Amino acid sequence: MATLTIKNVPEQVVKRLKQQAVAQHRSLNFQVISYLEQMTHSVSVDADALLVRARTLRRTPEGVKVTDRLLRELKGTGRP
């Protein structure tokens, strides 16, 4: 196992980490290791599936295509 030293951690961050460690019944050290493990796991992304989902979300159930222009018009509705 390696040893890692982290310098200049803001006190509020340390306080939150300690609170979260207590809530998870972990030591502060194990809580930080747990977060580091979570944040460093890579997740593969299927670009084609993501694009299909994005295109689906850009359409309303009625089939009206949501565009940037439509969003700008809707945002301006009712404003002076």
N, C-alpha and C. Protein backbone atom coordinates (compact mmCIF):
# COMPACT_ATOMS: atom_id res chain seq x y z
N MET A 1 0.83 -1.19 0.00
CA MET A 1 0.00 0.00 0.00
C MET A 1 0.88 1.25 0.00
N ALA A 2 0.40 2.23 -0.73
CA ALA A 2 1.10 3.51 -0.79
C ALA A 2 0.53 4.45 0.27
N THR A 3 1.32 5.45 0.61
CA THR A 3 0.88 6.49 1.53
C THR A 3 0.75 7.77 0.74
N LEU A 4 -0.34 8.48 0.96
CA LEU A 4 -0.62 9.71 0.24
C LEU A 4 -0.84 10.82 1.26
N THR A 5 -0.15 11.93 1.06
CA THR A 5 -0.32 13.09 1.92
C THR A 5 -1.03 14.18 1.13
N ILE A 6 -2.09 14.71 1.68
CA ILE A 6 -2.84 15.78 1.02
C ILE A 6 -2.68 17.03 1.86
N LYS A 7 -2.18 18.09 1.24
CA LYS A 7 -1.91 19.33 1.97
C LYS A 7 -2.98 20.37 1.70
N ASN A 8 -3.12 21.29 2.63
CA ASN A 8 -3.98 22.48 2.50
C ASN A 8 -5.44 22.14 2.23
N VAL A 9 -5.96 21.12 2.90
CA VAL A 9 -7.37 20.77 2.76
C VAL A 9 -8.17 21.77 3.60
N PRO A 10 -9.15 22.44 2.99
CA PRO A 10 -9.95 23.40 3.75
C PRO A 10 -10.65 22.73 4.94
N GLU A 11 -10.71 23.44 6.03
CA GLU A 11 -11.29 22.90 7.27
C GLU A 11 -12.73 22.43 7.07
N GLN A 12 -13.49 23.15 6.26
CA GLN A 12 -14.89 22.76 6.02
C GLN A 12 -14.95 21.41 5.30
N VAL A 13 -14.02 21.15 4.41
CA VAL A 13 -13.99 19.87 3.70
C VAL A 13 -13.68 18.75 4.69
N VAL A 14 -12.71 18.98 5.55
CA VAL A 14 -12.35 17.98 6.56
C VAL A 14 -13.55 17.72 7.47
N LYS A 15 -14.23 18.77 7.86
CA LYS A 15 -15.40 18.63 8.74
C LYS A 15 -16.48 17.77 8.07
N ARG A 16 -16.77 18.06 6.78
CA ARG A 16 -17.78 17.27 6.07
C ARG A 16 -17.35 15.83 5.91
N LEU A 17 -16.07 15.61 5.60
CA LEU A 17 -15.56 14.25 5.47
C LEU A 17 -15.70 13.48 6.78
N LYS A 18 -15.39 14.13 7.87
CA LYS A 18 -15.52 13.48 9.19
C LYS A 18 -16.98 13.14 9.47
N GLN A 19 -17.89 14.06 9.16
CA GLN A 19 -19.32 13.80 9.38
C GLN A 19 -19.79 12.63 8.53
N GLN A 20 -19.36 12.60 7.29
CA GLN A 20 -19.76 11.51 6.39
C GLN A 20 -19.15 10.18 6.83
N ALA A 21 -17.94 10.22 7.33
CA ALA A 21 -17.30 9.00 7.83
C ALA A 21 -18.07 8.44 9.02
N VAL A 22 -18.46 9.30 9.93
CA VAL A 22 -19.25 8.86 11.10
C VAL A 22 -20.57 8.26 10.64
N ALA A 23 -21.23 8.92 9.69
CA ALA A 23 -22.52 8.44 9.19
C ALA A 23 -22.39 7.08 8.52
N GLN A 24 -21.23 6.80 7.93
CA GLN A 24 -21.00 5.52 7.24
C GLN A 24 -20.30 4.49 8.14
N HIS A 25 -20.07 4.87 9.40
CA HIS A 25 -19.38 4.00 10.36
C HIS A 25 -18.00 3.61 9.83
N ARG A 26 -17.28 4.61 9.32
CA ARG A 26 -15.94 4.41 8.79
C ARG A 26 -14.96 5.36 9.46
N SER A 27 -13.71 5.04 9.34
CA SER A 27 -12.68 5.99 9.76
C SER A 27 -12.58 7.06 8.68
N LEU A 28 -12.02 8.19 9.03
CA LEU A 28 -11.81 9.26 8.06
C LEU A 28 -10.94 8.75 6.91
N ASN A 29 -9.90 8.01 7.23
CA ASN A 29 -8.99 7.47 6.22
C ASN A 29 -9.76 6.57 5.25
N PHE A 30 -10.58 5.65 5.77
CA PHE A 30 -11.30 4.74 4.90
C PHE A 30 -12.35 5.47 4.07
N GLN A 31 -12.94 6.52 4.64
CA GLN A 31 -13.91 7.31 3.89
C GLN A 31 -13.26 7.99 2.69
N VAL A 32 -12.09 8.56 2.89
CA VAL A 32 -11.37 9.21 1.80
C VAL A 32 -10.96 8.19 0.74
N ILE A 33 -10.48 7.03 1.17
CA ILE A 33 -10.11 5.97 0.22
C ILE A 33 -11.34 5.54 -0.58
N SER A 34 -12.47 5.41 0.08
CA SER A 34 -13.70 5.02 -0.59
C SER A 34 -14.08 6.02 -1.67
N TYR A 35 -13.99 7.32 -1.34
CA TYR A 35 -14.29 8.36 -2.33
C TYR A 35 -13.30 8.33 -3.50
N LEU A 36 -12.03 8.14 -3.19
CA LEU A 36 -11.03 8.08 -4.26
C LEU A 36 -11.29 6.89 -5.19
N GLU A 37 -11.67 5.75 -4.61
CA GLU A 37 -11.99 4.58 -5.43
C GLU A 37 -13.19 4.87 -6.33
N GLN A 38 -14.23 5.48 -5.77
CA GLN A 38 -15.43 5.80 -6.55
C GLN A 38 -15.11 6.74 -7.71
N MET A 39 -14.30 7.73 -7.45
CA MET A 39 -14.03 8.77 -8.45
C MET A 39 -13.03 8.33 -9.51
N THR A 40 -12.28 7.29 -9.26
CA THR A 40 -11.27 6.90 -10.23
C THR A 40 -11.68 5.69 -11.08
N HIS A 41 -12.84 5.13 -10.82
CA HIS A 41 -13.32 4.04 -11.67
C HIS A 41 -13.84 4.64 -12.97
N SER A 42 -13.32 4.15 -14.06
CA SER A 42 -13.77 4.67 -15.35
C SER A 42 -15.06 3.96 -15.76
N VAL A 43 -15.90 4.69 -16.45
CA VAL A 43 -17.15 4.15 -16.93
C VAL A 43 -17.15 4.26 -18.45
N SER A 44 -17.34 3.12 -19.11
CA SER A 44 -17.36 3.18 -20.57
C SER A 44 -18.71 3.74 -21.02
N VAL A 45 -18.65 4.54 -22.07
CA VAL A 45 -19.83 5.20 -22.59
C VAL A 45 -20.07 4.74 -24.02
N ASP A 46 -21.29 4.29 -24.29
CA ASP A 46 -21.67 3.93 -25.66
C ASP A 46 -22.15 5.22 -26.33
N ALA A 47 -21.30 5.80 -27.15
CA ALA A 47 -21.58 7.10 -27.76
C ALA A 47 -22.84 7.06 -28.61
N ASP A 48 -23.04 5.98 -29.36
CA ASP A 48 -24.23 5.89 -30.21
C ASP A 48 -25.51 5.85 -29.39
N ALA A 49 -25.52 5.07 -28.32
CA ALA A 49 -26.69 4.99 -27.46
C ALA A 49 -26.95 6.33 -26.77
N LEU A 50 -25.88 7.00 -26.37
CA LEU A 50 -26.03 8.31 -25.73
C LEU A 50 -26.63 9.32 -26.70
N LEU A 51 -26.20 9.29 -27.95
CA LEU A 51 -26.72 10.19 -28.97
C LEU A 51 -28.19 9.92 -29.25
N VAL A 52 -28.58 8.65 -29.33
CA VAL A 52 -29.99 8.30 -29.53
C VAL A 52 -30.82 8.82 -28.37
N ARG A 53 -30.34 8.63 -27.16
CA ARG A 53 -31.08 9.10 -25.97
C ARG A 53 -31.19 10.62 -25.98
N ALA A 54 -30.13 11.32 -26.33
CA ALA A 54 -30.16 12.79 -26.36
C ALA A 54 -31.17 13.27 -27.39
N ARG A 55 -31.18 12.64 -28.55
CA ARG A 55 -32.14 13.03 -29.59
C ARG A 55 -33.58 12.77 -29.14
N THR A 56 -33.78 11.67 -28.45
CA THR A 56 -35.11 11.35 -27.94
C THR A 56 -35.57 12.39 -26.91
N LEU A 57 -34.66 12.79 -26.05
CA LEU A 57 -35.01 13.77 -25.01
C LEU A 57 -35.28 15.15 -25.58
N ARG A 58 -34.73 15.45 -26.74
CA ARG A 58 -34.95 16.77 -27.35
C ARG A 58 -36.32 16.89 -27.97
N ARG A 59 -37.07 15.82 -28.02
CA ARG A 59 -38.42 15.85 -28.60
C ARG A 59 -39.45 15.74 -27.48
N THR A 60 -40.52 16.51 -27.61
CA THR A 60 -41.60 16.43 -26.64
C THR A 60 -42.49 15.26 -27.01
N PRO A 61 -43.33 14.80 -26.11
CA PRO A 61 -44.24 13.69 -26.42
C PRO A 61 -45.13 13.97 -27.64
N GLU A 62 -45.44 15.24 -27.91
CA GLU A 62 -46.29 15.57 -29.05
C GLU A 62 -45.50 15.59 -30.35
N GLY A 63 -44.21 15.35 -30.30
CA GLY A 63 -43.40 15.32 -31.49
C GLY A 63 -42.84 16.67 -31.89
N VAL A 64 -43.03 17.69 -31.08
CA VAL A 64 -42.48 19.01 -31.38
C VAL A 64 -41.00 18.99 -31.04
N LYS A 65 -40.19 19.34 -32.00
CA LYS A 65 -38.75 19.34 -31.78
C LYS A 65 -38.35 20.55 -30.95
N VAL A 66 -37.65 20.30 -29.86
CA VAL A 66 -37.17 21.37 -29.00
C VAL A 66 -35.83 21.83 -29.55
N THR A 67 -35.78 23.09 -29.93
CA THR A 67 -34.55 23.67 -30.47
C THR A 67 -34.10 24.81 -29.59
N ASP A 68 -32.90 25.27 -29.82
CA ASP A 68 -32.41 26.42 -29.06
C ASP A 68 -33.29 27.64 -29.32
N ARG A 69 -33.70 27.80 -30.56
CA ARG A 69 -34.56 28.94 -30.92
C ARG A 69 -35.88 28.88 -30.15
N LEU A 70 -36.51 27.70 -30.13
CA LEU A 70 -37.77 27.55 -29.40
C LEU A 70 -37.58 27.84 -27.91
N LEU A 71 -36.49 27.35 -27.34
CA LEU A 71 -36.23 27.60 -25.92
C LEU A 71 -36.06 29.08 -25.63
N ARG A 72 -35.34 29.80 -26.52
CA ARG A 72 -35.18 31.25 -26.33
C ARG A 72 -36.54 31.95 -26.39
N GLU A 73 -37.38 31.55 -27.34
CA GLU A 73 -38.71 32.16 -27.46
C GLU A 73 -39.56 31.88 -26.22
N LEU A 74 -39.53 30.65 -25.74
CA LEU A 74 -40.31 30.29 -24.55
C LEU A 74 -39.81 31.02 -23.31
N LYS A 75 -38.50 31.18 -23.20
CA LYS A 75 -37.93 31.90 -22.04
C LYS A 75 -38.37 33.35 -22.06
N GLY A 76 -38.50 33.94 -23.26
CA GLY A 76 -38.87 35.35 -23.36
C GLY A 76 -40.36 35.62 -23.23
N THR A 77 -41.16 34.57 -23.28
CA THR A 77 -42.61 34.75 -23.21
C THR A 77 -43.00 35.32 -21.85
N GLY A 78 -43.75 36.41 -21.90
CA GLY A 78 -44.24 37.03 -20.68
C GLY A 78 -43.26 37.96 -20.01
N ARG A 79 -42.11 38.15 -20.60
CA ARG A 79 -41.12 39.06 -20.00
C ARG A 79 -41.23 40.41 -20.69
N PRO A 80 -41.03 41.49 -19.93
CA PRO A 80 -41.09 42.83 -20.53
C PRO A 80 -39.93 43.10 -21.48
